[in-house]
């Protein structure tokens, strides 16, 4: 078990509350995916001394923890920064240097009490999926240098049972970091499960995507295009709409900050929408419901509702849900992990699209780990395009 999962403020250790001031040194860069990354050799020390089956080490770890449970509106004051020393890796465990963390909207729902997902306890490290490299392995499943994927959490190093990690086997022309991007469970696999396994999108159908310039939305747009659908993407602002049409190939775009969304959908899809993949909720969901194909069979897929995550204690539901009955349509939520049996199919399809250049997911990179909370709040403000990640 990672010390970070056991730590609490009462047990002591270095920690501080985040200062919301402007001089915190937020470092942001954007990677457009045009130039492949080069991975140089790294130095590892696999043969650490062991005592009673434990690998004896001394590794400093910096982490972001839950300082307080908010009232449903996430704020920087909800987080703290702590630093501790990892002093051992028990039998069956692995020490991982965290390389990249996925900044996902679901994390926001774990911060308030009660949360939409299980609420993280005070003092616990903020949960996040990530990829990293094994520094020390006390398990036959991994060796030093292996790339791994799992719930590494918002920290620079993680000690986890080997059973909680997945080995990333590098494929030609597929970056290991793709496992928190187009191959990630919270990004590309979520897009595939919703669109393909649940939504059963077909060639020739009209697919509408909200939050289309985000990580999941970007993948949905490209997967739908690859399957022969006509795709309309909804995003906020001319830059994001240009990204949708010029970078990832949406057939048409709607700028919700400028356009009357319902009228614009009707203009672009006069015969109605076949599939609506929703990441936003609120008024945009109602606009889509009002434009479902009237002849029946339309599917509304509820992936998320980022417009509601600032006030989870007062979520706005759809007003026009009766359109589902009027138009013989369906609306369904889904949990990506419930479709794990189809992950190999999804990985195979997405990997081939990556290799062929038909699926790309630009990264918006934030560094270092101390700025993980700011990155989370960027999700609410729509200040990123593509896959938002943190490199510790």
Protein backbone atom coordinates (compact mmCIF):
# COMPACT_ATOMS: atom_id res chain seq x y z
CA UNK A 1 0.00 0.00 0.00
CA UNK A 2 1.32 3.44 -0.87
CA UNK A 3 2.19 5.64 2.09
CA UNK A 4 0.30 8.38 0.27
CA UNK A 5 -2.95 6.45 0.58
CA UNK A 6 -2.41 5.97 4.33
CA UNK A 7 -1.28 9.51 5.20
CA UNK A 8 -3.55 11.89 7.06
CA UNK A 9 -2.99 15.42 8.41
CA UNK A 10 -3.15 14.12 11.97
CA UNK A 11 -0.12 11.89 11.33
CA UNK A 12 2.12 14.84 10.55
CA UNK A 13 4.48 15.28 7.65
CA UNK A 14 5.21 18.21 5.43
CA UNK A 15 2.12 19.81 4.00
CA UNK A 16 0.71 23.15 3.00
CA UNK A 17 -2.51 24.65 1.78
CA UNK A 18 -2.46 25.96 -1.77
CA UNK A 19 -2.13 29.68 -2.24
CA UNK A 20 -4.48 30.96 -4.92
CA UNK A 21 -2.19 33.89 -5.74
CA UNK A 22 -0.95 34.64 -9.26
CA UNK A 23 2.72 33.80 -8.66
CA UNK A 24 2.51 30.05 -8.20
CA UNK A 25 4.52 29.35 -11.34
CA UNK A 26 1.99 27.54 -13.51
CA UNK A 27 3.89 26.09 -16.43
CA UNK A 28 1.81 25.16 -19.45
CA UNK A 29 2.83 23.87 -22.82
CA UNK A 30 0.98 22.40 -25.76
CA UNK A 31 2.12 19.39 -27.74
CA UNK A 32 0.52 19.19 -31.18
CA UNK A 33 1.50 15.61 -31.93
CA UNK A 34 3.24 16.48 -35.21
CA UNK A 35 6.70 15.56 -33.95
CA UNK A 36 7.10 12.13 -32.33
CA UNK A 37 8.72 12.14 -28.89
CA UNK A 38 12.10 10.56 -28.40
CA UNK A 39 12.67 8.50 -25.27
CA UNK A 40 16.25 8.35 -24.09
CA UNK A 41 17.71 5.71 -21.77
CA UNK A 42 16.97 6.09 -18.06
CA UNK A 43 19.04 4.90 -15.12
CA UNK A 44 17.45 2.30 -12.84
CA UNK A 45 18.66 0.47 -9.74
CA UNK A 46 16.67 -2.77 -9.71
CA UNK A 47 18.70 -4.56 -7.01
CA UNK A 48 17.74 -2.68 -3.86
CA UNK A 49 18.63 -4.33 -0.53
CA UNK A 50 15.80 -6.27 1.06
CA UNK A 51 14.85 -6.92 4.68
CA UNK A 52 12.18 -9.49 5.52
CA UNK A 53 10.99 -9.40 1.93
CA UNK A 54 10.78 -5.59 1.79
CA UNK A 55 12.90 -3.52 -0.59
CA UNK A 56 14.65 -0.91 1.57
CA UNK A 57 14.68 2.43 -0.22
CA UNK A 58 14.52 6.13 0.45
CA UNK A 59 12.54 8.04 -2.15
CA UNK A 60 11.05 11.49 -1.72
CA UNK A 61 7.50 11.86 -2.98
CA UNK A 62 5.54 15.05 -3.54
CA UNK A 63 1.79 14.79 -3.74
CA UNK A 64 -1.48 16.71 -3.91
CA UNK A 65 -3.99 15.78 -1.21
CA UNK A 66 -7.56 16.67 -0.26
CA UNK A 67 -7.34 19.48 2.30
CA UNK A 68 -11.08 19.92 2.77
CA UNK A 69 -14.36 18.70 1.35
CA UNK A 70 -15.95 21.51 -0.61
CA UNK A 71 -19.59 22.49 -0.91
CA UNK A 72 -19.88 21.30 -4.50
CA UNK A 73 -17.90 24.17 -6.04
CA UNK A 74 -14.23 23.09 -6.39
CA UNK A 75 -11.64 25.66 -5.25
CA UNK A 76 -7.87 25.78 -4.77
CA UNK A 77 -8.39 25.86 -1.01
CA UNK A 78 -9.70 22.27 -1.24
CA UNK A 79 -6.15 21.03 -1.93
CA UNK A 80 -2.84 20.81 -0.12
CA UNK A 81 0.70 19.86 -1.10
CA UNK A 82 2.66 17.31 0.94
CA UNK A 83 6.09 15.72 0.80
CA UNK A 84 7.04 12.43 2.42
CA UNK A 85 9.73 9.78 2.22
CA UNK A 86 8.93 6.34 0.84
CA UNK A 87 11.05 3.95 2.89
CA UNK A 88 10.11 0.53 1.58
CA UNK A 89 8.44 -1.53 -1.11
CA UNK A 90 6.73 -4.59 0.34
CA UNK A 91 6.61 -7.99 -1.31
CA UNK A 92 4.23 -7.86 -4.26
CA UNK A 93 4.52 -4.09 -4.60
CA UNK A 94 6.10 -1.79 -7.16
CA UNK A 95 7.59 1.71 -6.93
CA UNK A 96 6.66 3.80 -9.96
CA UNK A 97 8.02 7.14 -11.11
CA UNK A 98 4.92 8.94 -12.35
CA UNK A 99 5.45 10.25 -15.88
CA UNK A 100 2.09 11.72 -16.91
CA UNK A 101 -1.31 12.03 -15.22
CA UNK A 102 -4.67 12.38 -16.93
CA UNK A 103 -6.72 15.34 -15.68
CA UNK A 104 -10.31 14.12 -15.93
CA UNK A 105 -13.66 15.63 -15.02
CA UNK A 106 -14.66 12.63 -12.85
CA UNK A 107 -11.96 13.65 -10.34
CA UNK A 108 -13.94 16.80 -9.54
CA UNK A 109 -16.87 14.67 -8.42
CA UNK A 110 -14.76 12.97 -5.70
CA UNK A 111 -13.89 16.18 -3.88
CA UNK A 112 -17.19 17.14 -2.27
CA UNK A 113 -19.14 15.25 0.36
CA UNK A 114 -21.14 13.45 -0.78
CA UNK A 115 -19.63 13.23 -4.24
CA UNK A 116 -21.06 11.74 -7.41
CA UNK A 117 -18.30 9.14 -7.20
CA UNK A 118 -16.89 7.89 -3.89
CA UNK A 119 -15.66 10.87 -1.90
CA UNK A 120 -11.93 10.89 -1.18
CA UNK A 121 -11.12 11.13 2.51
CA UNK A 122 -9.35 14.13 3.98
CA UNK A 123 -5.59 13.84 3.66
CA UNK A 124 -5.77 11.28 0.89
CA UNK A 125 -3.95 11.81 -2.38
CA UNK A 126 -6.17 13.08 -5.19
CA UNK A 127 -6.89 10.13 -7.45
CA UNK A 128 -5.91 10.18 -11.12
CA UNK A 129 -5.00 7.68 -13.79
CA UNK A 130 -1.47 7.87 -15.11
CA UNK A 131 1.44 6.19 -16.81
CA UNK A 132 4.90 5.82 -15.37
CA UNK A 133 8.02 3.70 -15.25
CA UNK A 134 8.96 1.13 -12.65
CA UNK A 135 11.91 2.16 -10.48
CA UNK A 136 11.82 -0.74 -8.03
CA UNK A 137 9.88 -3.99 -8.39
CA UNK A 138 9.28 -6.41 -5.54
CA UNK A 139 7.03 -8.49 -7.78
CA UNK A 140 7.82 -10.99 -10.52
CA UNK A 141 5.26 -9.24 -12.76
CA UNK A 142 7.45 -6.21 -13.45
CA UNK A 143 11.09 -5.21 -13.80
CA UNK A 144 12.74 -1.82 -13.49
CA UNK A 145 12.14 0.23 -16.61
CA UNK A 146 8.72 -1.23 -17.46
CA UNK A 147 6.06 1.27 -18.48
CA UNK A 148 2.87 0.79 -16.43
CA UNK A 149 -0.63 2.26 -16.33
CA UNK A 150 -3.03 2.56 -13.42
CA UNK A 151 -4.49 4.76 -10.71
CA UNK A 152 -1.14 6.35 -9.84
CA UNK A 153 -2.73 9.43 -8.17
CA UNK A 154 -1.55 13.04 -8.14
CA UNK A 155 2.03 12.51 -6.96
CA UNK A 156 5.56 12.15 -8.27
CA UNK A 157 6.02 8.54 -7.13
CA UNK A 158 3.60 5.75 -6.27
CA UNK A 159 3.93 2.46 -4.41
CA UNK A 160 1.16 0.10 -5.46
CA UNK A 161 0.41 -3.63 -5.47
CA UNK A 162 1.48 -5.10 -8.78
CA UNK A 163 -2.08 -6.38 -9.22
CA UNK A 164 -3.31 -2.79 -9.57
CA UNK A 165 -1.02 -1.98 -12.49
CA UNK A 166 -1.14 -2.85 -16.17
CA UNK A 167 2.07 -3.29 -18.14
CA UNK A 168 2.21 -1.07 -21.19
CA UNK A 169 3.73 -3.02 -24.05
CA UNK A 170 5.05 -0.44 -26.51
CA UNK A 171 3.73 -0.80 -30.04
CA UNK A 172 5.30 0.63 -33.20
CA UNK A 173 4.29 4.27 -33.70
CA UNK A 174 2.21 4.27 -30.50
CA UNK A 175 3.53 6.43 -27.66
CA UNK A 176 3.31 4.75 -24.20
CA UNK A 177 1.60 7.95 -23.05
CA UNK A 178 -1.28 7.07 -25.37
CA UNK A 179 -2.55 4.96 -22.47
CA UNK A 180 -3.78 8.15 -20.82
CA UNK A 181 -4.77 9.60 -24.19
CA UNK A 182 -6.46 7.84 -27.08
CA UNK A 183 -5.95 4.43 -25.40
CA UNK A 184 -6.78 5.63 -21.88
CA UNK A 185 -9.76 4.27 -19.97
CA UNK A 186 -11.00 7.79 -19.18
CA UNK A 187 -10.43 9.13 -22.69
CA UNK A 188 -10.25 7.00 -25.84
CA UNK A 189 -11.78 3.86 -24.33
CA UNK A 190 -14.61 5.92 -22.85
CA UNK A 191 -15.22 7.44 -26.28
CA UNK A 192 -15.19 4.03 -27.98
CA UNK A 193 -17.44 2.33 -25.43
CA UNK A 194 -20.01 5.13 -25.56
CA UNK A 195 -20.04 5.58 -29.32
CA UNK A 196 -19.54 1.98 -30.47
CA UNK A 197 -20.52 -0.47 -27.72
CA UNK A 198 -23.46 1.52 -26.32
CA UNK A 199 -24.40 3.97 -29.07
CA UNK A 200 -23.80 1.61 -32.00
CA UNK A 201 -23.09 4.53 -34.32
CA UNK A 202 -23.32 3.59 -37.99
CA UNK A 203 -22.01 4.94 -41.28
CA UNK A 204 -24.27 7.62 -42.71
CA UNK A 205 -25.71 8.66 -39.34
CA UNK A 206 -25.47 12.17 -37.91
CA UNK A 207 -23.47 12.26 -34.68
CA UNK A 208 -23.54 15.34 -32.44
CA UNK A 209 -20.82 15.71 -29.79
CA UNK A 210 -20.79 18.23 -26.93
CA UNK A 211 -17.51 19.12 -25.27
CA UNK A 212 -16.05 18.08 -28.60
CA UNK A 213 -12.72 19.86 -28.15
CA UNK A 214 -11.91 18.00 -24.93
CA UNK A 215 -10.10 14.68 -24.60
CA UNK A 216 -13.13 12.37 -24.82
CA UNK A 217 -14.95 14.58 -27.31
CA UNK A 218 -11.94 14.75 -29.63
CA UNK A 219 -11.77 10.96 -29.69
CA UNK A 220 -15.51 10.62 -30.30
CA UNK A 221 -15.34 12.99 -33.28
CA UNK A 222 -12.53 11.01 -34.91
CA UNK A 223 -13.97 7.58 -34.14
CA UNK A 224 -17.31 8.60 -35.60
CA UNK A 225 -15.63 9.99 -38.72
CA UNK A 226 -13.65 6.76 -39.11
CA UNK A 227 -16.93 4.84 -39.04
CA UNK A 228 -18.44 6.95 -41.80
CA UNK A 229 -20.74 9.18 -39.76
CA UNK A 230 -21.35 12.88 -40.35
CA UNK A 231 -20.08 14.65 -37.22
CA UNK A 232 -21.12 17.97 -35.69
CA UNK A 233 -18.98 19.20 -32.80
CA UNK A 234 -20.02 21.70 -30.13
CA UNK A 235 -17.29 23.76 -28.44
CA UNK A 236 -16.75 27.21 -26.95
CA UNK A 237 -15.01 29.88 -29.00
CA UNK A 238 -13.63 30.25 -32.53
CA UNK A 239 -10.25 28.70 -31.71
CA UNK A 240 -11.80 25.48 -30.46
CA UNK A 241 -14.18 25.32 -33.40
CA UNK A 242 -11.24 25.79 -35.76
CA UNK A 243 -9.47 22.93 -33.97
CA UNK A 244 -12.52 20.71 -34.51
CA UNK A 245 -12.74 21.35 -38.23
CA UNK A 246 -9.08 21.83 -39.16
CA UNK A 247 -7.26 19.41 -36.84
CA UNK A 248 -9.60 16.50 -36.07
CA UNK A 249 -11.96 16.71 -39.02
CA UNK A 250 -15.45 17.55 -37.75
CA UNK A 251 -17.88 18.15 -40.63
CA UNK A 252 -19.50 21.12 -38.91
CA UNK A 253 -19.14 23.05 -35.66
CA UNK A 254 -21.31 24.98 -33.24
CA UNK A 255 -19.87 27.70 -31.00
CA UNK A 256 -22.09 27.59 -27.93
CA UNK A 257 -20.71 30.95 -26.79
CA UNK A 258 -21.93 32.70 -29.95
CA UNK A 259 -24.62 30.55 -31.55
CA UNK A 260 -28.17 29.67 -30.60
CA UNK A 261 -27.33 25.99 -30.18
CA UNK A 262 -30.79 24.55 -30.84
CA UNK A 263 -31.28 26.66 -33.98
CA UNK A 264 -27.81 25.84 -35.25
CA UNK A 265 -28.38 22.09 -34.79
CA UNK A 266 -31.64 22.36 -36.73
CA UNK A 267 -29.81 24.22 -39.49
CA UNK A 268 -26.97 21.70 -39.74
CA UNK A 269 -29.13 18.58 -39.30
CA UNK A 270 -32.61 19.38 -40.64
CA UNK A 271 -33.63 15.70 -40.53
CA UNK A 272 -32.50 15.35 -36.93
CA UNK A 273 -29.68 13.82 -34.90
CA UNK A 274 -29.12 10.05 -34.76
CA UNK A 275 -26.56 9.96 -31.94
CA UNK A 276 -25.81 12.61 -29.31
CA UNK A 277 -22.69 12.01 -27.22
CA UNK A 278 -23.04 14.36 -24.26
CA UNK A 279 -20.16 15.53 -22.09
CA UNK A 280 -21.78 18.79 -20.96
CA UNK A 281 -25.42 18.47 -19.89
CA UNK A 282 -27.56 21.50 -19.02
CA UNK A 283 -29.06 23.63 -21.79
CA UNK A 284 -27.00 21.92 -24.48
CA UNK A 285 -28.61 18.58 -23.60
CA UNK A 286 -32.05 20.14 -24.02
CA UNK A 287 -31.03 21.63 -27.37
CA UNK A 288 -30.02 18.18 -28.57
CA UNK A 289 -33.20 16.53 -27.26
CA UNK A 290 -35.22 19.07 -29.24
CA UNK A 291 -33.44 18.03 -32.43
CA UNK A 292 -33.51 14.23 -32.31
CA UNK A 293 -34.50 12.46 -35.51
CA UNK A 294 -38.33 12.42 -35.44
CA UNK A 295 -38.63 9.08 -37.24
CA UNK A 296 -37.25 7.19 -34.24
CA UNK A 297 -34.15 5.33 -33.17
CA UNK A 298 -32.03 8.25 -31.95
CA UNK A 299 -29.67 7.53 -29.06
CA UNK A 300 -28.54 10.00 -26.38
CA UNK A 301 -25.39 8.90 -24.55
CA UNK A 302 -24.69 10.49 -21.17
CA UNK A 303 -20.94 10.46 -20.60
CA UNK A 304 -20.64 13.50 -18.34
CA UNK A 305 -22.06 16.90 -17.44
CA UNK A 306 -19.19 19.33 -16.97
CA UNK A 307 -21.63 22.27 -16.94
CA UNK A 308 -23.02 20.93 -13.65
CA UNK A 309 -19.83 20.09 -11.78
CA UNK A 310 -19.53 23.50 -10.13
CA UNK A 311 -22.73 22.85 -8.18
CA UNK A 312 -23.24 19.13 -7.70
CA UNK A 313 -25.66 19.88 -4.87
CA UNK A 314 -28.07 21.47 -7.36
CA UNK A 315 -27.77 19.66 -10.70
CA UNK A 316 -30.03 20.91 -13.50
CA UNK A 317 -31.88 18.07 -15.18
CA UNK A 318 -33.26 18.05 -18.74
CA UNK A 319 -36.52 19.92 -19.34
CA UNK A 320 -37.27 18.36 -22.71
CA UNK A 321 -36.96 14.69 -21.79
CA UNK A 322 -40.43 14.01 -23.22
CA UNK A 323 -38.85 14.33 -26.67
CA UNK A 324 -37.53 10.82 -26.00
CA UNK A 325 -41.08 9.48 -25.91
CA UNK A 326 -42.34 11.65 -28.75
CA UNK A 327 -39.53 10.53 -31.07
CA UNK A 328 -39.11 6.93 -29.96
CA UNK A 329 -35.57 7.71 -28.81
CA UNK A 330 -33.46 6.46 -25.92
CA UNK A 331 -31.15 8.08 -23.39
CA UNK A 332 -28.58 6.00 -21.56
CA UNK A 333 -25.66 6.52 -19.25
CA UNK A 334 -22.73 4.13 -19.17
CA UNK A 335 -19.75 3.14 -17.03
CA UNK A 336 -16.74 2.36 -19.18
CA UNK A 337 -15.35 -0.34 -16.87
CA UNK A 338 -18.56 -2.37 -17.25
CA UNK A 339 -17.54 -2.99 -20.86
CA UNK A 340 -14.03 -4.25 -20.11
CA UNK A 341 -14.61 -7.41 -22.14
CA UNK A 342 -14.54 -5.26 -25.27
CA UNK A 343 -11.39 -3.30 -24.39
CA UNK A 344 -9.13 -5.48 -26.59
CA UNK A 345 -11.38 -4.72 -29.57
CA UNK A 346 -11.27 -1.02 -28.75
CA UNK A 347 -7.49 -0.95 -28.29
CA UNK A 348 -6.95 -2.74 -31.60
CA UNK A 349 -9.18 -0.32 -33.52
CA UNK A 350 -7.80 2.82 -31.87
CA UNK A 351 -4.17 1.70 -32.23
CA UNK A 352 -4.66 1.19 -35.96
CA UNK A 353 -6.25 4.63 -36.29
CA UNK A 354 -3.27 6.16 -34.47
CA UNK A 355 -0.78 4.40 -36.74
CA UNK A 356 -2.67 5.46 -39.86
CA UNK A 357 -2.85 9.08 -38.70
CA UNK A 358 -6.65 9.05 -38.51
CA UNK A 359 -6.78 9.65 -34.77
CA UNK A 360 -4.67 12.23 -32.99
CA UNK A 361 -5.12 13.79 -29.59
CA UNK A 362 -3.07 16.94 -28.95
CA UNK A 363 -1.94 17.39 -25.36
CA UNK A 364 -2.26 20.45 -23.17
CA UNK A 365 0.56 19.90 -20.68
CA UNK A 366 0.73 21.42 -17.19
CA UNK A 367 3.81 21.15 -14.94
CA UNK A 368 4.84 20.46 -12.18
CA UNK A 369 2.76 18.31 -9.81
CA UNK A 370 1.98 21.29 -7.54
CA UNK A 371 -0.18 22.70 -10.32
CA UNK A 372 -2.48 19.67 -10.53
CA UNK A 373 -5.29 21.59 -8.75
CA UNK A 374 -5.08 24.45 -11.25
CA UNK A 375 -5.26 21.94 -14.06
CA UNK A 376 -8.44 20.46 -12.57
CA UNK A 377 -10.06 23.88 -12.41
CA UNK A 378 -9.10 24.48 -16.04
CA UNK A 379 -11.61 21.75 -16.91
CA UNK A 380 -14.42 23.87 -15.49
CA UNK A 381 -13.28 27.02 -17.25
CA UNK A 382 -12.76 25.38 -20.64
CA UNK A 383 -9.21 26.71 -20.85
CA UNK A 384 -7.72 23.75 -22.68
CA UNK A 385 -8.05 21.92 -25.97
CA UNK A 386 -7.46 18.21 -26.42
CA UNK A 387 -6.05 16.03 -23.66
CA UNK A 388 -5.25 17.89 -20.43
CA UNK A 389 -2.37 16.22 -18.59
CA UNK A 390 0.09 16.93 -15.79
CA UNK A 391 3.75 15.97 -15.94
CA UNK A 392 5.12 15.88 -12.38
